mmCIF file of all heavy atoms, coordinates in Angstrom:
data_MODEL
# 
_entry.id   MODEL 
# 
loop_
_atom_site.group_PDB 
_atom_site.id 
_atom_site.type_symbol 
_atom_site.label_atom_id 
_atom_site.label_alt_id 
_atom_site.label_comp_id 
_atom_site.label_asym_id 
_atom_site.label_entity_id 
_atom_site.label_seq_id 
_atom_site.pdbx_PDB_ins_code 
_atom_site.Cartn_x 
_atom_site.Cartn_y 
_atom_site.Cartn_z 
_atom_site.occupancy 
_atom_site.B_iso_or_equiv 
_atom_site.pdbx_formal_charge 
_atom_site.auth_seq_id 
_atom_site.auth_comp_id 
_atom_site.auth_asym_id 
_atom_site.auth_atom_id 
_atom_site.pdbx_PDB_model_num 
ATOM 1   N N   . PRO A 1 1  ? 2.573   -4.161  1.061   1.00 0.00 ? 1  PRO A N   1 
ATOM 2   C CA  . PRO A 1 1  ? 3.821   -4.769  1.438   1.00 0.00 ? 1  PRO A CA  1 
ATOM 3   C C   . PRO A 1 1  ? 4.929   -4.666  0.365   1.00 0.00 ? 1  PRO A C   1 
ATOM 4   O O   . PRO A 1 1  ? 4.597   -4.729  -0.838  1.00 0.00 ? 1  PRO A O   1 
ATOM 5   C CB  . PRO A 1 1  ? 3.526   -6.229  1.838   1.00 0.00 ? 1  PRO A CB  1 
ATOM 6   C CG  . PRO A 1 1  ? 2.425   -6.492  0.948   1.00 0.00 ? 1  PRO A CG  1 
ATOM 7   C CD  . PRO A 1 1  ? 1.571   -5.276  0.921   1.00 0.00 ? 1  PRO A CD  1 
ATOM 8   N N   . LEU A 1 2  ? 6.129   -4.301  0.852   1.00 0.00 ? 2  LEU A N   1 
ATOM 9   C CA  . LEU A 1 2  ? 7.141   -4.321  -0.192  1.00 0.00 ? 2  LEU A CA  1 
ATOM 10  C C   . LEU A 1 2  ? 7.607   -5.808  -0.518  1.00 0.00 ? 2  LEU A C   1 
ATOM 11  O O   . LEU A 1 2  ? 7.727   -6.570  0.283   1.00 0.00 ? 2  LEU A O   1 
ATOM 12  C CB  . LEU A 1 2  ? 8.441   -3.588  0.544   1.00 0.00 ? 2  LEU A CB  1 
ATOM 13  C CG  . LEU A 1 2  ? 9.640   -3.436  -0.340  1.00 0.00 ? 2  LEU A CG  1 
ATOM 14  C CD1 . LEU A 1 2  ? 9.437   -2.389  -1.388  1.00 0.00 ? 2  LEU A CD1 1 
ATOM 15  C CD2 . LEU A 1 2  ? 10.802  -2.913  0.575   1.00 0.00 ? 2  LEU A CD2 1 
ATOM 16  N N   . SER A 1 3  ? 7.663   -5.989  -1.904  1.00 0.00 ? 3  SER A N   1 
ATOM 17  C CA  . SER A 1 3  ? 7.915   -7.417  -2.320  1.00 0.00 ? 3  SER A CA  1 
ATOM 18  C C   . SER A 1 3  ? 9.201   -7.994  -1.805  1.00 0.00 ? 3  SER A C   1 
ATOM 19  O O   . SER A 1 3  ? 9.041   -9.133  -1.222  1.00 0.00 ? 3  SER A O   1 
ATOM 20  C CB  . SER A 1 3  ? 8.052   -7.311  -3.871  1.00 0.00 ? 3  SER A CB  1 
ATOM 21  O OG  . SER A 1 3  ? 6.912   -6.774  -4.529  1.00 0.00 ? 3  SER A OG  1 
ATOM 22  N N   . ILE A 1 4  ? 10.218  -7.255  -1.775  1.00 0.00 ? 4  ILE A N   1 
ATOM 23  C CA  . ILE A 1 4  ? 11.497  -7.752  -1.188  1.00 0.00 ? 4  ILE A CA  1 
ATOM 24  C C   . ILE A 1 4  ? 11.406  -7.842  0.442   1.00 0.00 ? 4  ILE A C   1 
ATOM 25  O O   . ILE A 1 4  ? 11.911  -8.723  0.998   1.00 0.00 ? 4  ILE A O   1 
ATOM 26  C CB  . ILE A 1 4  ? 12.653  -6.906  -1.574  1.00 0.00 ? 4  ILE A CB  1 
ATOM 27  C CG1 . ILE A 1 4  ? 12.885  -6.898  -3.029  1.00 0.00 ? 4  ILE A CG1 1 
ATOM 28  C CG2 . ILE A 1 4  ? 13.994  -7.375  -0.876  1.00 0.00 ? 4  ILE A CG2 1 
ATOM 29  C CD1 . ILE A 1 4  ? 13.969  -5.907  -3.548  1.00 0.00 ? 4  ILE A CD1 1 
ATOM 30  N N   . GLY A 1 5  ? 10.527  -6.964  0.894   1.00 0.00 ? 5  GLY A N   1 
ATOM 31  C CA  . GLY A 1 5  ? 10.374  -6.958  2.358   1.00 0.00 ? 5  GLY A CA  1 
ATOM 32  C C   . GLY A 1 5  ? 9.729   -8.176  2.917   1.00 0.00 ? 5  GLY A C   1 
ATOM 33  O O   . GLY A 1 5  ? 9.608   -8.444  4.117   1.00 0.00 ? 5  GLY A O   1 
ATOM 34  N N   . GLN A 1 6  ? 9.061   -9.036  1.959   1.00 0.00 ? 6  GLN A N   1 
ATOM 35  C CA  . GLN A 1 6  ? 8.252   -10.109 2.472   1.00 0.00 ? 6  GLN A CA  1 
ATOM 36  C C   . GLN A 1 6  ? 9.172   -11.390 2.468   1.00 0.00 ? 6  GLN A C   1 
ATOM 37  O O   . GLN A 1 6  ? 8.700   -12.509 2.997   1.00 0.00 ? 6  GLN A O   1 
ATOM 38  C CB  . GLN A 1 6  ? 7.170   -10.365 1.472   1.00 0.00 ? 6  GLN A CB  1 
ATOM 39  C CG  . GLN A 1 6  ? 6.101   -9.364  1.541   1.00 0.00 ? 6  GLN A CG  1 
ATOM 40  C CD  . GLN A 1 6  ? 4.987   -9.623  0.497   1.00 0.00 ? 6  GLN A CD  1 
ATOM 41  O OE1 . GLN A 1 6  ? 4.118   -10.449 0.856   1.00 0.00 ? 6  GLN A OE1 1 
ATOM 42  N NE2 . GLN A 1 6  ? 4.927   -8.895  -0.600  1.00 0.00 ? 6  GLN A NE2 1 
ATOM 43  N N   . LEU A 1 7  ? 10.475  -11.263 2.091   1.00 0.00 ? 7  LEU A N   1 
ATOM 44  C CA  . LEU A 1 7  ? 11.384  -12.380 1.934   1.00 0.00 ? 7  LEU A CA  1 
ATOM 45  C C   . LEU A 1 7  ? 11.904  -12.697 3.352   1.00 0.00 ? 7  LEU A C   1 
ATOM 46  O O   . LEU A 1 7  ? 12.443  -13.790 3.536   1.00 0.00 ? 7  LEU A O   1 
ATOM 47  C CB  . LEU A 1 7  ? 12.440  -12.169 0.991   1.00 0.00 ? 7  LEU A CB  1 
ATOM 48  C CG  . LEU A 1 7  ? 11.984  -11.897 -0.506  1.00 0.00 ? 7  LEU A CG  1 
ATOM 49  C CD1 . LEU A 1 7  ? 13.187  -11.674 -1.421  1.00 0.00 ? 7  LEU A CD1 1 
ATOM 50  C CD2 . LEU A 1 7  ? 11.180  -13.099 -0.989  1.00 0.00 ? 7  LEU A CD2 1 
ATOM 51  N N   . GLY A 1 8  ? 12.021  -11.767 4.276   1.00 0.00 ? 8  GLY A N   1 
ATOM 52  C CA  . GLY A 1 8  ? 12.693  -11.972 5.496   1.00 0.00 ? 8  GLY A CA  1 
ATOM 53  C C   . GLY A 1 8  ? 11.708  -12.335 6.597   1.00 0.00 ? 8  GLY A C   1 
ATOM 54  O O   . GLY A 1 8  ? 10.502  -12.757 6.358   1.00 0.00 ? 8  GLY A O   1 
ATOM 55  N N   . THR A 1 9  ? 12.081  -12.237 7.900   1.00 0.00 ? 9  THR A N   1 
ATOM 56  C CA  . THR A 1 9  ? 11.261  -12.633 8.969   1.00 0.00 ? 9  THR A CA  1 
ATOM 57  C C   . THR A 1 9  ? 10.309  -11.515 9.348   1.00 0.00 ? 9  THR A C   1 
ATOM 58  O O   . THR A 1 9  ? 9.204   -11.727 9.931   1.00 0.00 ? 9  THR A O   1 
ATOM 59  C CB  . THR A 1 9  ? 12.106  -12.867 10.231  1.00 0.00 ? 9  THR A CB  1 
ATOM 60  O OG1 . THR A 1 9  ? 12.952  -11.786 10.504  1.00 0.00 ? 9  THR A OG1 1 
ATOM 61  C CG2 . THR A 1 9  ? 13.052  -14.103 10.005  1.00 0.00 ? 9  THR A CG2 1 
ATOM 62  N N   . ARG A 1 10 ? 10.640  -10.280 8.937   1.00 0.00 ? 10 ARG A N   1 
ATOM 63  C CA  . ARG A 1 10 ? 9.721   -9.142  9.149   1.00 0.00 ? 10 ARG A CA  1 
ATOM 64  C C   . ARG A 1 10 ? 9.246   -8.542  7.816   1.00 0.00 ? 10 ARG A C   1 
ATOM 65  O O   . ARG A 1 10 ? 10.150  -8.396  6.883   1.00 0.00 ? 10 ARG A O   1 
ATOM 66  C CB  . ARG A 1 10 ? 10.397  -7.998  9.980   1.00 0.00 ? 10 ARG A CB  1 
ATOM 67  C CG  . ARG A 1 10 ? 10.751  -8.492  11.434  1.00 0.00 ? 10 ARG A CG  1 
ATOM 68  C CD  . ARG A 1 10 ? 11.495  -7.436  12.190  1.00 0.00 ? 10 ARG A CD  1 
ATOM 69  N NE  . ARG A 1 10 ? 10.532  -6.265  12.286  1.00 0.00 ? 10 ARG A NE  1 
ATOM 70  C CZ  . ARG A 1 10 ? 10.887  -5.124  12.915  1.00 0.00 ? 10 ARG A CZ  1 
ATOM 71  N NH1 . ARG A 1 10 ? 12.058  -4.847  13.278  1.00 0.00 ? 10 ARG A NH1 1 
ATOM 72  N NH2 . ARG A 1 10 ? 9.802   -4.168  12.990  1.00 0.00 ? 10 ARG A NH2 1 
ATOM 73  N N   . VAL A 1 11 ? 7.995   -8.289  7.720   1.00 0.00 ? 11 VAL A N   1 
ATOM 74  C CA  . VAL A 1 11 ? 7.420   -7.674  6.517   1.00 0.00 ? 11 VAL A CA  1 
ATOM 75  C C   . VAL A 1 11 ? 7.653   -6.097  6.560   1.00 0.00 ? 11 VAL A C   1 
ATOM 76  O O   . VAL A 1 11 ? 7.357   -5.485  7.554   1.00 0.00 ? 11 VAL A O   1 
ATOM 77  C CB  . VAL A 1 11 ? 5.966   -8.037  6.358   1.00 0.00 ? 11 VAL A CB  1 
ATOM 78  C CG1 . VAL A 1 11 ? 5.377   -7.486  5.086   1.00 0.00 ? 11 VAL A CG1 1 
ATOM 79  C CG2 . VAL A 1 11 ? 5.731   -9.493  6.356   1.00 0.00 ? 11 VAL A CG2 1 
ATOM 80  N N   . THR A 1 12 ? 8.135   -5.545  5.401   1.00 0.00 ? 12 THR A N   1 
ATOM 81  C CA  . THR A 1 12 ? 8.261   -4.136  5.232   1.00 0.00 ? 12 THR A CA  1 
ATOM 82  C C   . THR A 1 12 ? 7.177   -3.613  4.427   1.00 0.00 ? 12 THR A C   1 
ATOM 83  O O   . THR A 1 12 ? 6.768   -4.143  3.397   1.00 0.00 ? 12 THR A O   1 
ATOM 84  C CB  . THR A 1 12 ? 9.522   -3.722  4.607   1.00 0.00 ? 12 THR A CB  1 
ATOM 85  O OG1 . THR A 1 12 ? 10.677  -4.335  5.371   1.00 0.00 ? 12 THR A OG1 1 
ATOM 86  C CG2 . THR A 1 12 ? 9.829   -2.306  4.497   1.00 0.00 ? 12 THR A CG2 1 
ATOM 87  N N   . TYR A 1 13 ? 6.539   -2.451  4.844   1.00 0.00 ? 13 TYR A N   1 
ATOM 88  C CA  . TYR A 1 13 ? 5.371   -1.858  4.149   1.00 0.00 ? 13 TYR A CA  1 
ATOM 89  C C   . TYR A 1 13 ? 5.625   -0.396  3.531   1.00 0.00 ? 13 TYR A C   1 
ATOM 90  O O   . TYR A 1 13 ? 6.475   0.195   4.125   1.00 0.00 ? 13 TYR A O   1 
ATOM 91  C CB  . TYR A 1 13 ? 4.120   -1.873  5.182   1.00 0.00 ? 13 TYR A CB  1 
ATOM 92  C CG  . TYR A 1 13 ? 3.620   -3.144  5.545   1.00 0.00 ? 13 TYR A CG  1 
ATOM 93  C CD1 . TYR A 1 13 ? 4.148   -3.717  6.766   1.00 0.00 ? 13 TYR A CD1 1 
ATOM 94  C CD2 . TYR A 1 13 ? 2.658   -3.821  4.842   1.00 0.00 ? 13 TYR A CD2 1 
ATOM 95  C CE1 . TYR A 1 13 ? 3.567   -4.967  7.157   1.00 0.00 ? 13 TYR A CE1 1 
ATOM 96  C CE2 . TYR A 1 13 ? 2.184   -5.018  5.291   1.00 0.00 ? 13 TYR A CE2 1 
ATOM 97  C CZ  . TYR A 1 13 ? 2.760   -5.563  6.495   1.00 0.00 ? 13 TYR A CZ  1 
ATOM 98  O OH  . TYR A 1 13 ? 2.252   -6.807  6.930   1.00 0.00 ? 13 TYR A OH  1 
ATOM 99  N N   . PHE A 1 14 ? 4.935   -0.161  2.555   1.00 0.00 ? 14 PHE A N   1 
ATOM 100 C CA  . PHE A 1 14 ? 4.855   1.218   2.035   1.00 0.00 ? 14 PHE A CA  1 
ATOM 101 C C   . PHE A 1 14 ? 3.875   1.968   2.928   1.00 0.00 ? 14 PHE A C   1 
ATOM 102 O O   . PHE A 1 14 ? 3.200   1.358   3.806   1.00 0.00 ? 14 PHE A O   1 
ATOM 103 C CB  . PHE A 1 14 ? 4.439   1.187   0.597   1.00 0.00 ? 14 PHE A CB  1 
ATOM 104 C CG  . PHE A 1 14 ? 5.313   0.623   -0.380  1.00 0.00 ? 14 PHE A CG  1 
ATOM 105 C CD1 . PHE A 1 14 ? 5.085   -0.598  -1.102  1.00 0.00 ? 14 PHE A CD1 1 
ATOM 106 C CD2 . PHE A 1 14 ? 6.590   1.184   -0.634  1.00 0.00 ? 14 PHE A CD2 1 
ATOM 107 C CE1 . PHE A 1 14 ? 5.965   -1.156  -1.946  1.00 0.00 ? 14 PHE A CE1 1 
ATOM 108 C CE2 . PHE A 1 14 ? 7.538   0.613   -1.530  1.00 0.00 ? 14 PHE A CE2 1 
ATOM 109 C CZ  . PHE A 1 14 ? 7.163   -0.519  -2.241  1.00 0.00 ? 14 PHE A CZ  1 
ATOM 110 N N   . SER A 1 15 ? 3.736   3.344   2.680   1.00 0.00 ? 15 SER A N   1 
ATOM 111 C CA  . SER A 1 15 ? 2.672   4.008   3.413   1.00 0.00 ? 15 SER A CA  1 
ATOM 112 C C   . SER A 1 15 ? 1.391   3.746   2.633   1.00 0.00 ? 15 SER A C   1 
ATOM 113 O O   . SER A 1 15 ? 1.363   3.094   1.627   1.00 0.00 ? 15 SER A O   1 
ATOM 114 C CB  . SER A 1 15 ? 3.028   5.565   3.249   1.00 0.00 ? 15 SER A CB  1 
ATOM 115 O OG  . SER A 1 15 ? 2.569   6.116   2.059   1.00 0.00 ? 15 SER A OG  1 
ATOM 116 N N   . SER A 1 16 ? 0.354   4.203   3.245   1.00 0.00 ? 16 SER A N   1 
ATOM 117 C CA  . SER A 1 16 ? -0.967  3.834   2.745   1.00 0.00 ? 16 SER A CA  1 
ATOM 118 C C   . SER A 1 16 ? -1.475  5.044   1.838   1.00 0.00 ? 16 SER A C   1 
ATOM 119 O O   . SER A 1 16 ? -2.737  5.107   1.535   1.00 0.00 ? 16 SER A O   1 
ATOM 120 C CB  . SER A 1 16 ? -1.984  3.769   3.930   1.00 0.00 ? 16 SER A CB  1 
ATOM 121 O OG  . SER A 1 16 ? -1.999  4.945   4.683   1.00 0.00 ? 16 SER A OG  1 
ATOM 122 N N   . ALA A 1 17 ? -0.600  5.882   1.322   1.00 0.00 ? 17 ALA A N   1 
ATOM 123 C CA  . ALA A 1 17 ? -1.078  7.050   0.515   1.00 0.00 ? 17 ALA A CA  1 
ATOM 124 C C   . ALA A 1 17 ? -1.810  6.557   -0.751  1.00 0.00 ? 17 ALA A C   1 
ATOM 125 O O   . ALA A 1 17 ? -2.782  7.148   -1.079  1.00 0.00 ? 17 ALA A O   1 
ATOM 126 C CB  . ALA A 1 17 ? 0.116   7.869   0.149   1.00 0.00 ? 17 ALA A CB  1 
ATOM 127 N N   . ILE A 1 18 ? -1.326  5.442   -1.349  1.00 0.00 ? 18 ILE A N   1 
ATOM 128 C CA  . ILE A 1 18 ? -2.012  5.031   -2.580  1.00 0.00 ? 18 ILE A CA  1 
ATOM 129 C C   . ILE A 1 18 ? -3.488  4.520   -2.261  1.00 0.00 ? 18 ILE A C   1 
ATOM 130 O O   . ILE A 1 18 ? -4.372  4.704   -3.172  1.00 0.00 ? 18 ILE A O   1 
ATOM 131 C CB  . ILE A 1 18 ? -1.217  3.752   -3.139  1.00 0.00 ? 18 ILE A CB  1 
ATOM 132 C CG1 . ILE A 1 18 ? -1.650  3.474   -4.593  1.00 0.00 ? 18 ILE A CG1 1 
ATOM 133 C CG2 . ILE A 1 18 ? -1.210  2.617   -2.376  1.00 0.00 ? 18 ILE A CG2 1 
ATOM 134 C CD1 . ILE A 1 18 ? -1.475  4.679   -5.596  1.00 0.00 ? 18 ILE A CD1 1 
ATOM 135 N N   . TYR A 1 19 ? -3.740  4.069   -1.064  1.00 0.00 ? 19 TYR A N   1 
ATOM 136 C CA  . TYR A 1 19 ? -5.082  3.606   -0.682  1.00 0.00 ? 19 TYR A CA  1 
ATOM 137 C C   . TYR A 1 19 ? -6.072  4.905   -0.678  1.00 0.00 ? 19 TYR A C   1 
ATOM 138 O O   . TYR A 1 19 ? -7.202  4.774   -1.173  1.00 0.00 ? 19 TYR A O   1 
ATOM 139 C CB  . TYR A 1 19 ? -5.097  2.897   0.695   1.00 0.00 ? 19 TYR A CB  1 
ATOM 140 C CG  . TYR A 1 19 ? -4.402  1.616   0.694   1.00 0.00 ? 19 TYR A CG  1 
ATOM 141 C CD1 . TYR A 1 19 ? -3.909  1.203   1.994   1.00 0.00 ? 19 TYR A CD1 1 
ATOM 142 C CD2 . TYR A 1 19 ? -4.112  0.842   -0.355  1.00 0.00 ? 19 TYR A CD2 1 
ATOM 143 C CE1 . TYR A 1 19 ? -3.261  -0.038  2.035   1.00 0.00 ? 19 TYR A CE1 1 
ATOM 144 C CE2 . TYR A 1 19 ? -3.562  -0.344  -0.360  1.00 0.00 ? 19 TYR A CE2 1 
ATOM 145 C CZ  . TYR A 1 19 ? -3.082  -0.761  0.949   1.00 0.00 ? 19 TYR A CZ  1 
ATOM 146 O OH  . TYR A 1 19 ? -2.444  -2.051  0.915   1.00 0.00 ? 19 TYR A OH  1 
ATOM 147 N N   . TYR A 1 20 ? -5.538  6.056   -0.189  1.00 0.00 ? 20 TYR A N   1 
ATOM 148 C CA  . TYR A 1 20 ? -6.426  7.244   -0.080  1.00 0.00 ? 20 TYR A CA  1 
ATOM 149 C C   . TYR A 1 20 ? -6.590  7.795   -1.471  1.00 0.00 ? 20 TYR A C   1 
ATOM 150 O O   . TYR A 1 20 ? -7.652  8.434   -1.660  1.00 0.00 ? 20 TYR A O   1 
ATOM 151 C CB  . TYR A 1 20 ? -5.829  8.166   0.930   1.00 0.00 ? 20 TYR A CB  1 
ATOM 152 C CG  . TYR A 1 20 ? -5.826  7.489   2.353   1.00 0.00 ? 20 TYR A CG  1 
ATOM 153 C CD1 . TYR A 1 20 ? -4.748  6.885   2.919   1.00 0.00 ? 20 TYR A CD1 1 
ATOM 154 C CD2 . TYR A 1 20 ? -7.068  7.554   3.055   1.00 0.00 ? 20 TYR A CD2 1 
ATOM 155 C CE1 . TYR A 1 20 ? -4.822  6.330   4.265   1.00 0.00 ? 20 TYR A CE1 1 
ATOM 156 C CE2 . TYR A 1 20 ? -7.160  6.895   4.343   1.00 0.00 ? 20 TYR A CE2 1 
ATOM 157 C CZ  . TYR A 1 20 ? -5.931  6.276   4.801   1.00 0.00 ? 20 TYR A CZ  1 
ATOM 158 O OH  . TYR A 1 20 ? -6.107  5.687   6.081   1.00 0.00 ? 20 TYR A OH  1 
ATOM 159 N N   . ILE A 1 21 ? -5.531  7.722   -2.379  1.00 0.00 ? 21 ILE A N   1 
ATOM 160 C CA  . ILE A 1 21 ? -5.747  8.219   -3.658  1.00 0.00 ? 21 ILE A CA  1 
ATOM 161 C C   . ILE A 1 21 ? -6.848  7.360   -4.316  1.00 0.00 ? 21 ILE A C   1 
ATOM 162 O O   . ILE A 1 21 ? -7.752  7.815   -4.961  1.00 0.00 ? 21 ILE A O   1 
ATOM 163 C CB  . ILE A 1 21 ? -4.452  8.047   -4.488  1.00 0.00 ? 21 ILE A CB  1 
ATOM 164 C CG1 . ILE A 1 21 ? -3.480  9.204   -4.038  1.00 0.00 ? 21 ILE A CG1 1 
ATOM 165 C CG2 . ILE A 1 21 ? -4.738  8.143   -6.052  1.00 0.00 ? 21 ILE A CG2 1 
ATOM 166 C CD1 . ILE A 1 21 ? -3.828  10.637  -4.420  1.00 0.00 ? 21 ILE A CD1 1 
ATOM 167 N N   . GLY A 1 22 ? -6.791  6.020   -4.072  1.00 0.00 ? 22 GLY A N   1 
ATOM 168 C CA  . GLY A 1 22 ? -7.789  5.069   -4.612  1.00 0.00 ? 22 GLY A CA  1 
ATOM 169 C C   . GLY A 1 22 ? -9.141  5.355   -3.998  1.00 0.00 ? 22 GLY A C   1 
ATOM 170 O O   . GLY A 1 22 ? -10.141 5.358   -4.860  1.00 0.00 ? 22 GLY A O   1 
ATOM 171 N N   . ALA A 1 23 ? -9.272  5.680   -2.738  1.00 0.00 ? 23 ALA A N   1 
ATOM 172 C CA  . ALA A 1 23 ? -10.517 5.885   -2.187  1.00 0.00 ? 23 ALA A CA  1 
ATOM 173 C C   . ALA A 1 23 ? -11.185 7.242   -2.697  1.00 0.00 ? 23 ALA A C   1 
ATOM 174 O O   . ALA A 1 23 ? -12.390 7.298   -2.996  1.00 0.00 ? 23 ALA A O   1 
ATOM 175 C CB  . ALA A 1 23 ? -10.448 6.046   -0.625  1.00 0.00 ? 23 ALA A CB  1 
ATOM 176 N N   . LEU A 1 24 ? -10.320 8.264   -3.001  1.00 0.00 ? 24 LEU A N   1 
ATOM 177 C CA  . LEU A 1 24 ? -10.758 9.469   -3.649  1.00 0.00 ? 24 LEU A CA  1 
ATOM 178 C C   . LEU A 1 24 ? -11.291 9.179   -4.965  1.00 0.00 ? 24 LEU A C   1 
ATOM 179 O O   . LEU A 1 24 ? -12.447 9.630   -5.384  1.00 0.00 ? 24 LEU A O   1 
ATOM 180 C CB  . LEU A 1 24 ? -9.716  10.547  -3.638  1.00 0.00 ? 24 LEU A CB  1 
ATOM 181 C CG  . LEU A 1 24 ? -10.055 11.846  -4.327  1.00 0.00 ? 24 LEU A CG  1 
ATOM 182 C CD1 . LEU A 1 24 ? -11.194 12.518  -3.506  1.00 0.00 ? 24 LEU A CD1 1 
ATOM 183 C CD2 . LEU A 1 24 ? -8.809  12.716  -4.258  1.00 0.00 ? 24 LEU A CD2 1 
ATOM 184 N N   . GLY A 1 25 ? -10.611 8.381   -5.793  1.00 0.00 ? 25 GLY A N   1 
ATOM 185 C CA  . GLY A 1 25 ? -10.923 8.038   -7.138  1.00 0.00 ? 25 GLY A CA  1 
ATOM 186 C C   . GLY A 1 25 ? -12.255 7.286   -7.172  1.00 0.00 ? 25 GLY A C   1 
ATOM 187 O O   . GLY A 1 25 ? -13.135 7.529   -8.047  1.00 0.00 ? 25 GLY A O   1 
ATOM 188 N N   . LEU A 1 26 ? -12.477 6.323   -6.273  1.00 0.00 ? 26 LEU A N   1 
ATOM 189 C CA  . LEU A 1 26 ? -13.676 5.524   -6.310  1.00 0.00 ? 26 LEU A CA  1 
ATOM 190 C C   . LEU A 1 26 ? -14.920 6.501   -5.797  1.00 0.00 ? 26 LEU A C   1 
ATOM 191 O O   . LEU A 1 26 ? -15.974 6.306   -6.346  1.00 0.00 ? 26 LEU A O   1 
ATOM 192 C CB  . LEU A 1 26 ? -13.532 4.412   -5.112  1.00 0.00 ? 26 LEU A CB  1 
ATOM 193 C CG  . LEU A 1 26 ? -12.571 3.346   -5.490  1.00 0.00 ? 26 LEU A CG  1 
ATOM 194 C CD1 . LEU A 1 26 ? -12.352 2.432   -4.299  1.00 0.00 ? 26 LEU A CD1 1 
ATOM 195 C CD2 . LEU A 1 26 ? -13.136 2.479   -6.677  1.00 0.00 ? 26 LEU A CD2 1 
ATOM 196 N N   . ALA A 1 27 ? -14.592 7.352   -4.877  1.00 0.00 ? 27 ALA A N   1 
ATOM 197 C CA  . ALA A 1 27 ? -15.761 8.261   -4.484  1.00 0.00 ? 27 ALA A CA  1 
ATOM 198 C C   . ALA A 1 27 ? -16.223 9.219   -5.522  1.00 0.00 ? 27 ALA A C   1 
ATOM 199 O O   . ALA A 1 27 ? -17.349 9.485   -5.741  1.00 0.00 ? 27 ALA A O   1 
ATOM 200 C CB  . ALA A 1 27 ? -15.312 9.048   -3.238  1.00 0.00 ? 27 ALA A CB  1 
ATOM 201 N N   . LEU A 1 28 ? -15.224 9.663   -6.277  1.00 0.00 ? 28 LEU A N   1 
ATOM 202 C CA  . LEU A 1 28 ? -15.568 10.678  -7.369  1.00 0.00 ? 28 LEU A CA  1 
ATOM 203 C C   . LEU A 1 28 ? -16.150 10.015  -8.613  1.00 0.00 ? 28 LEU A C   1 
ATOM 204 O O   . LEU A 1 28 ? -16.837 10.682  -9.436  1.00 0.00 ? 28 LEU A O   1 
ATOM 205 C CB  . LEU A 1 28 ? -14.309 11.487  -7.808  1.00 0.00 ? 28 LEU A CB  1 
ATOM 206 C CG  . LEU A 1 28 ? -13.652 12.363  -6.712  1.00 0.00 ? 28 LEU A CG  1 
ATOM 207 C CD1 . LEU A 1 28 ? -12.373 13.012  -7.248  1.00 0.00 ? 28 LEU A CD1 1 
ATOM 208 C CD2 . LEU A 1 28 ? -14.607 13.462  -6.458  1.00 0.00 ? 28 LEU A CD2 1 
ATOM 209 N N   . SER A 1 29 ? -15.809 8.758   -8.739  1.00 0.00 ? 29 SER A N   1 
ATOM 210 C CA  . SER A 1 29 ? -16.334 7.985   -9.971  1.00 0.00 ? 29 SER A CA  1 
ATOM 211 C C   . SER A 1 29 ? -17.553 7.110   -9.685  1.00 0.00 ? 29 SER A C   1 
ATOM 212 O O   . SER A 1 29 ? -17.930 6.238   -10.538 1.00 0.00 ? 29 SER A O   1 
ATOM 213 C CB  . SER A 1 29 ? -15.277 7.141   -10.509 1.00 0.00 ? 29 SER A CB  1 
ATOM 214 O OG  . SER A 1 29 ? -14.750 6.237   -9.643  1.00 0.00 ? 29 SER A OG  1 
# 
């Protein structure tokens, strides 16, 4: 979630790209 995006009534999110980079790093290590 975007930090500023959590201040309103609707939450704004980033894409999940960082999660898949993390999953690849976890798998390789």
